[in-house]
């Protein structure tokens, strides 16, 4: 459904889809396949509130980028030591996933390209916010955020940072991303690696077929 809203970017050489692993990868895979454009990943880790890890107080991304929701920190009285501890743990997981998913493959060049940033949904928007910072530092031509579902206030907070936002559902009574899916199984490391490999094989096959004609 998201791909249908993005058909103007189909088969363009300047377009790349970037998924936020892990949950964003299956969504981004479907979009990249439908548009026939490359798929890659942007590693982002949520910084969860200690004891309530599902609630984000911020996020980090590859390249040392970090976003902190100071209002959450102040309201809950979270100490700097606690923030540093969570950041350290999530940084280690980010590095592990970077090595596992990317291996020796270099990060894609984004300068001058149209980047479609995809996640399985937004809650506080911290992960997408830090992803946007990381992407925009590479001087892309155009940045689109594409997600199936998000609360209205989160979309509003991102509108000044993205050039375009495509969101299928924006319910006032949001509660959680998973409630808006028929199936919301945990995405595994193996599934991420397999989907990335499928896109590579599919595009390589199409390129070979074109060159043979």
Protein backbone atom coordinates (compact mmCIF):
# COMPACT_ATOMS: atom_id res chain seq x y z
CA UNK A 1 0.00 0.00 0.00
CA UNK A 2 2.89 2.35 0.73
CA UNK A 3 4.51 1.47 -2.59
CA UNK A 4 1.32 2.49 -4.40
CA UNK A 5 1.70 5.95 -2.85
CA UNK A 6 5.32 6.13 -4.02
CA UNK A 7 4.98 5.11 -7.68
CA UNK A 8 6.44 8.42 -8.90
CA UNK A 9 9.82 7.18 -7.58
CA UNK A 10 9.66 3.86 -9.45
CA UNK A 11 12.70 2.72 -11.48
CA UNK A 12 14.61 5.94 -10.88
CA UNK A 13 18.38 5.69 -10.77
CA UNK A 14 18.66 8.36 -8.08
CA UNK A 15 16.30 6.66 -5.59
CA UNK A 16 17.25 4.39 -2.68
CA UNK A 17 15.09 2.88 0.07
CA UNK A 18 16.66 2.84 3.53
CA UNK A 19 15.10 0.57 6.15
CA UNK A 20 15.33 0.99 9.91
CA UNK A 21 16.07 -2.55 11.16
CA UNK A 22 14.71 -4.73 12.21
CA UNK A 23 10.99 -4.11 11.86
CA UNK A 24 11.33 -1.65 9.00
CA UNK A 25 13.10 -4.13 6.73
CA UNK A 26 10.09 -6.26 5.64
CA UNK A 27 8.13 -3.07 4.89
CA UNK A 28 11.03 -1.50 3.01
CA UNK A 29 11.64 -4.76 1.11
CA UNK A 30 8.11 -4.70 -0.30
CA UNK A 31 8.53 -1.05 -1.33
CA UNK A 32 11.95 -1.55 -2.94
CA UNK A 33 10.71 -4.59 -4.88
CA UNK A 34 7.59 -2.81 -6.11
CA UNK A 35 9.52 0.32 -7.16
CA UNK A 36 12.51 -1.64 -8.53
CA UNK A 37 15.03 0.48 -6.61
CA UNK A 38 17.93 -0.46 -4.31
CA UNK A 39 17.36 -1.36 -0.65
CA UNK A 40 19.81 -0.74 2.16
CA UNK A 41 19.69 -0.19 5.91
CA UNK A 42 20.28 2.65 8.35
CA UNK A 43 21.11 1.32 11.80
CA UNK A 44 19.18 3.07 14.56
CA UNK A 45 18.67 2.05 18.19
CA UNK A 46 16.02 3.37 20.51
CA UNK A 47 17.16 4.55 23.95
CA UNK A 48 14.51 3.08 26.21
CA UNK A 49 13.55 4.48 29.61
CA UNK A 50 15.17 2.28 32.30
CA UNK A 51 12.55 -0.17 33.54
CA UNK A 52 10.18 0.81 30.72
CA UNK A 53 12.36 0.02 27.69
CA UNK A 54 9.54 0.19 25.15
CA UNK A 55 9.14 3.91 25.89
CA UNK A 56 11.81 5.95 24.11
CA UNK A 57 13.73 8.75 25.76
CA UNK A 58 15.83 9.10 22.61
CA UNK A 59 17.69 7.20 19.91
CA UNK A 60 21.11 6.77 18.31
CA UNK A 61 22.19 6.08 14.73
CA UNK A 62 25.30 4.95 12.88
CA UNK A 63 27.92 7.66 12.70
CA UNK A 64 27.53 8.78 16.31
CA UNK A 65 24.18 10.57 15.89
CA UNK A 66 22.02 10.91 18.98
CA UNK A 67 18.62 12.42 19.79
CA UNK A 68 17.42 12.84 23.37
CA UNK A 69 13.87 13.78 24.37
CA UNK A 70 14.79 16.17 27.16
CA UNK A 71 11.16 16.57 28.24
CA UNK A 72 10.93 12.82 28.93
CA UNK A 73 14.26 12.84 30.78
CA UNK A 74 13.22 15.80 32.94
CA UNK A 75 9.70 14.52 33.65
CA UNK A 76 10.94 11.09 34.73
CA UNK A 77 14.05 12.38 36.48
CA UNK A 78 16.43 10.13 34.54
CA UNK A 79 20.05 10.65 35.57
CA UNK A 80 22.95 11.27 33.19
CA UNK A 81 24.57 8.05 34.45
CA UNK A 82 21.45 6.08 33.51
CA UNK A 83 21.32 7.71 30.07
CA UNK A 84 25.02 6.95 29.51
CA UNK A 85 24.50 3.32 30.55
CA UNK A 86 21.59 2.81 28.14
CA UNK A 87 23.49 4.58 25.36
CA UNK A 88 26.54 2.38 25.89
CA UNK A 89 24.49 -0.83 25.74
CA UNK A 90 22.54 0.25 22.65
CA UNK A 91 25.73 1.41 20.91
CA UNK A 92 27.18 -2.07 21.35
CA UNK A 93 24.04 -3.63 19.83
CA UNK A 94 24.12 -1.12 16.97
CA UNK A 95 27.71 -2.11 16.15
CA UNK A 96 26.82 -5.81 16.34
CA UNK A 97 23.97 -5.38 13.89
CA UNK A 98 26.03 -3.19 11.57
CA UNK A 99 28.67 -5.92 11.31
CA UNK A 100 26.08 -8.69 10.96
CA UNK A 101 23.85 -7.04 8.36
CA UNK A 102 26.42 -5.15 6.33
CA UNK A 103 29.63 -7.16 6.73
CA UNK A 104 32.26 -5.72 4.41
CA UNK A 105 29.70 -4.01 2.19
CA UNK A 106 30.18 -0.21 2.37
CA UNK A 107 27.37 2.12 3.36
CA UNK A 108 25.57 3.61 0.35
CA UNK A 109 26.41 7.09 -0.90
CA UNK A 110 23.42 9.37 -0.38
CA UNK A 111 24.66 12.69 -1.72
CA UNK A 112 22.33 14.02 -4.39
CA UNK A 113 20.00 11.02 -4.15
CA UNK A 114 16.34 10.70 -3.21
CA UNK A 115 16.15 8.70 0.01
CA UNK A 116 12.98 6.92 1.16
CA UNK A 117 13.31 6.20 4.89
CA UNK A 118 11.07 3.34 5.98
CA UNK A 119 10.05 1.91 9.35
CA UNK A 120 7.18 -0.36 10.39
CA UNK A 121 5.55 2.56 12.20
CA UNK A 122 6.30 5.50 14.47
CA UNK A 123 5.53 5.99 18.13
CA UNK A 124 7.54 8.84 19.70
CA UNK A 125 9.45 9.33 16.44
CA UNK A 126 12.87 9.34 18.16
CA UNK A 127 14.33 6.66 15.88
CA UNK A 128 13.14 8.39 12.71
CA UNK A 129 14.30 11.75 13.99
CA UNK A 130 17.89 10.57 14.47
CA UNK A 131 17.71 8.69 11.14
CA UNK A 132 16.77 11.94 9.42
CA UNK A 133 19.74 13.71 11.01
CA UNK A 134 22.12 11.00 9.83
CA UNK A 135 20.73 10.99 6.29
CA UNK A 136 20.60 14.76 5.88
CA UNK A 137 24.24 15.03 6.93
CA UNK A 138 25.04 13.21 3.65
CA UNK A 139 23.41 15.99 1.57
CA UNK A 140 20.69 14.02 -0.23
CA UNK A 141 18.54 15.78 -2.81
CA UNK A 142 15.22 14.73 -1.26
CA UNK A 143 14.19 12.77 1.86
CA UNK A 144 10.85 10.97 2.22
CA UNK A 145 9.62 9.30 5.39
CA UNK A 146 7.33 6.37 4.53
CA UNK A 147 5.54 4.48 7.32
CA UNK A 148 2.29 2.53 7.63
CA UNK A 149 1.11 4.15 10.87
CA UNK A 150 1.94 6.98 13.25
CA UNK A 151 0.20 9.17 15.82
CA UNK A 152 -0.61 12.64 14.40
CA UNK A 153 1.64 14.53 16.82
CA UNK A 154 4.68 12.48 15.81
CA UNK A 155 4.08 13.18 12.13
CA UNK A 156 3.75 16.86 12.92
CA UNK A 157 7.08 16.90 14.75
CA UNK A 158 8.84 15.42 11.71
CA UNK A 159 7.34 17.65 9.03
CA UNK A 160 10.04 20.30 9.33
CA UNK A 161 12.79 17.66 9.01
CA UNK A 162 11.58 15.57 6.05
CA UNK A 163 10.83 16.87 2.57
CA UNK A 164 7.82 14.56 2.32
CA UNK A 165 5.94 12.20 4.63
CA UNK A 166 3.82 9.30 3.40
CA UNK A 167 1.75 7.65 6.14
CA UNK A 168 -1.25 5.39 5.57
CA UNK A 169 -2.87 5.67 8.99
CA UNK A 170 -2.65 8.42 11.60
CA UNK A 171 -5.15 7.51 14.34
CA UNK A 172 -5.72 9.73 17.36
CA UNK A 173 -6.12 6.63 19.56
CA UNK A 174 -2.75 5.21 18.51
CA UNK A 175 -1.49 3.24 21.56
CA UNK A 176 1.09 1.01 19.78
CA UNK A 177 2.40 0.20 16.28
CA UNK A 178 1.63 -3.52 16.53
CA UNK A 179 -2.09 -2.95 17.06
CA UNK A 180 -2.44 -1.78 13.46
CA UNK A 181 -1.05 -4.97 11.90
CA UNK A 182 -2.81 -8.27 11.29
CA UNK A 183 0.53 -9.99 11.88
CA UNK A 184 3.29 -8.30 13.89
CA UNK A 185 5.83 -11.05 14.49
CA UNK A 186 9.32 -10.15 15.68
CA UNK A 187 11.70 -9.71 12.73
CA UNK A 188 14.84 -11.81 13.18
CA UNK A 189 18.43 -11.07 12.19
CA UNK A 190 18.20 -13.93 9.71
CA UNK A 191 15.15 -12.42 8.03
CA UNK A 192 16.89 -9.05 7.67
CA UNK A 193 19.94 -10.66 6.05
CA UNK A 194 17.77 -12.80 3.76
CA UNK A 195 15.61 -9.89 2.55
CA UNK A 196 18.64 -7.72 1.81
CA UNK A 197 20.18 -10.62 -0.15
CA UNK A 198 16.93 -11.19 -2.07
CA UNK A 199 16.89 -7.60 -3.30
CA UNK A 200 20.53 -7.83 -4.38
CA UNK A 201 19.87 -11.07 -6.31
CA UNK A 202 16.70 -9.73 -7.88
CA UNK A 203 18.32 -6.51 -9.09
CA UNK A 204 21.43 -8.36 -10.29
CA UNK A 205 19.22 -10.74 -12.29
CA UNK A 206 17.30 -7.90 -13.91
CA UNK A 207 20.56 -6.07 -14.76
CA UNK A 208 21.96 -9.22 -16.37
CA UNK A 209 18.78 -9.73 -18.37
CA UNK A 210 18.88 -6.14 -19.61
CA UNK A 211 22.53 -6.37 -20.66
CA UNK A 212 21.82 -9.59 -22.62
CA UNK A 213 19.16 -7.95 -24.77
